Protein backbone atom coordinates (compact mmCIF):
# COMPACT_ATOMS: atom_id res chain seq x y z
CA MET A 1 0.45 -17.93 1.97
CA THR A 2 -2.08 -20.05 1.97
CA LYS A 3 -5.09 -16.79 2.30
CA GLN A 4 -5.73 -13.59 0.59
CA PRO A 5 -3.61 -11.49 2.67
CA TRP A 6 -5.90 -7.80 2.50
CA ARG A 7 -9.68 -6.87 1.90
CA ALA A 8 -10.15 -4.78 -0.07
CA LYS A 9 -13.41 -3.93 0.68
CA ASP A 10 -11.51 -2.02 2.91
CA GLY A 11 -8.50 -1.06 1.74
CA THR A 12 -6.52 -2.87 3.84
CA LEU A 13 -3.90 -5.18 4.09
CA LEU A 14 -1.72 -7.27 6.20
CA LEU A 15 2.00 -7.23 5.47
CA PRO A 16 2.52 -9.48 8.28
CA GLN A 17 0.55 -12.45 6.79
CA ILE A 18 3.15 -12.38 4.12
CA ARG A 19 6.77 -13.28 3.46
CA SER A 20 9.42 -10.58 2.41
CA ARG A 21 9.63 -12.23 -1.12
CA GLU A 22 6.11 -12.10 -1.42
CA VAL A 23 5.59 -8.35 -1.05
CA LYS A 24 6.69 -6.93 -5.20
CA THR A 25 3.69 -8.93 -6.13
CA VAL A 26 1.17 -8.80 -3.81
CA VAL A 27 1.35 -5.35 -3.17
CA PRO A 28 0.17 -4.71 -6.92
CA ARG A 29 -2.49 -7.08 -7.00
CA PHE A 30 -4.17 -5.58 -4.02
CA LEU A 31 -3.47 -2.08 -5.16
CA ALA A 32 -5.21 -2.62 -8.01
CA ALA A 33 -8.11 -4.62 -7.07
CA CYS A 34 -8.53 -1.33 -4.60
CA ARG A 35 -9.05 1.02 -8.04
CA GLU A 36 -11.86 -1.88 -9.18
CA ARG A 37 -13.01 -0.86 -6.48
CA GLN A 38 -12.87 3.23 -6.70
CA ILE A 39 -11.31 2.80 -2.89
CA TYR A 40 -8.70 5.25 -3.37
CA GLU A 41 -7.48 5.68 0.37
CA VAL A 42 -5.43 2.88 0.84
CA TRP A 43 -3.71 1.64 4.28
CA ILE A 44 -0.76 -1.29 4.71
CA ILE A 45 -0.51 -2.32 7.85
CA HIS A 46 3.55 -3.48 7.80
CA GLY A 47 3.65 -3.49 11.92
CA LYS A 48 4.91 -2.15 14.85
CA HIS A 49 8.47 -4.24 14.39
CA GLY A 50 8.56 -4.37 10.61
CA GLU A 51 11.00 -1.89 9.76
CA ARG A 52 12.39 -4.86 6.98
CA HIS A 53 8.65 -5.02 5.74
CA GLN A 54 8.30 -1.23 5.14
CA GLN A 55 11.80 -1.06 3.65
CA ILE A 56 10.51 -3.15 0.63
CA LEU A 57 7.45 -1.91 0.83
CA HIS A 58 8.39 1.22 0.90
CA SER A 59 10.31 0.31 -2.18
CA VAL A 60 8.04 -1.42 -4.03
CA LEU A 61 5.24 2.29 -4.01
CA LYS A 62 7.74 4.45 -5.39
CA ASP A 63 7.57 1.99 -9.16
CA ILE A 64 3.86 1.51 -9.35
CA PRO A 65 2.67 4.87 -11.41
CA GLU A 66 -1.27 4.58 -9.46
CA VAL A 67 0.74 5.67 -6.70
CA ALA A 68 0.23 9.17 -6.06
CA CYS A 69 2.25 9.72 -2.47
CA PHE A 70 2.30 7.73 0.41
CA ARG A 71 3.58 8.03 4.60
CA SER A 72 4.53 6.09 7.20
CA GLY A 73 1.79 6.24 9.89
CA GLY A 74 1.91 9.45 12.03
CA MET A 75 1.86 9.60 15.37
CA GLU A 76 -1.62 8.04 16.47
CA ALA A 77 -1.94 5.18 18.61
CA GLU A 78 -4.08 3.57 15.48
CA SER A 79 -1.48 4.56 12.46
CA VAL A 80 1.77 2.95 13.90
CA GLY A 81 3.04 0.43 12.40
CA ALA A 82 0.83 1.67 9.01
CA THR A 83 1.64 2.97 5.57
CA ARG A 84 -1.14 5.72 4.33
CA VAL A 85 -1.10 4.94 0.15
CA ILE A 86 -3.56 7.77 -1.61
CA LEU A 87 -4.12 6.03 -5.11
CA PHE A 88 -4.37 8.28 -8.66
CA GLY A 89 -8.31 8.46 -9.75
CA PRO A 90 -9.42 6.99 -12.81
CA ASP A 91 -9.38 11.21 -14.15
CA GLU A 92 -6.65 11.80 -12.47
CA TYR A 93 -3.88 9.51 -13.62
CA PRO A 94 -1.29 12.05 -15.29
CA GLU A 95 0.86 11.49 -18.11
CA GLN A 96 4.23 10.96 -16.11
CA PRO A 97 2.90 11.44 -12.29
CA GLU A 98 4.33 14.30 -10.23
CA ARG A 99 4.32 11.83 -6.84
CA SER A 100 5.54 13.65 -3.24
CA ARG A 101 7.16 11.18 -1.16
């Protein structure tokens, strides 16, 4: 990975720029950077044909306690190949978060 694949200022991460084995380390760092900037709704782009990245991403998101919920993009053209992630804010973070997946 030569260049930082995210723009925490607008809450966007581009997974096609990352190797599959790096997803497990990059995603938590990206989400932490977004929370530091008080960005609690983010988009992670895995691409229309990025099924492997999406599978890895979703398994990683399930284990991050700061993630309130996540969902693959809907029917809108701009959300195909993307996952929307909602993060707990600083005052919303429960002891044992109940997640809607």
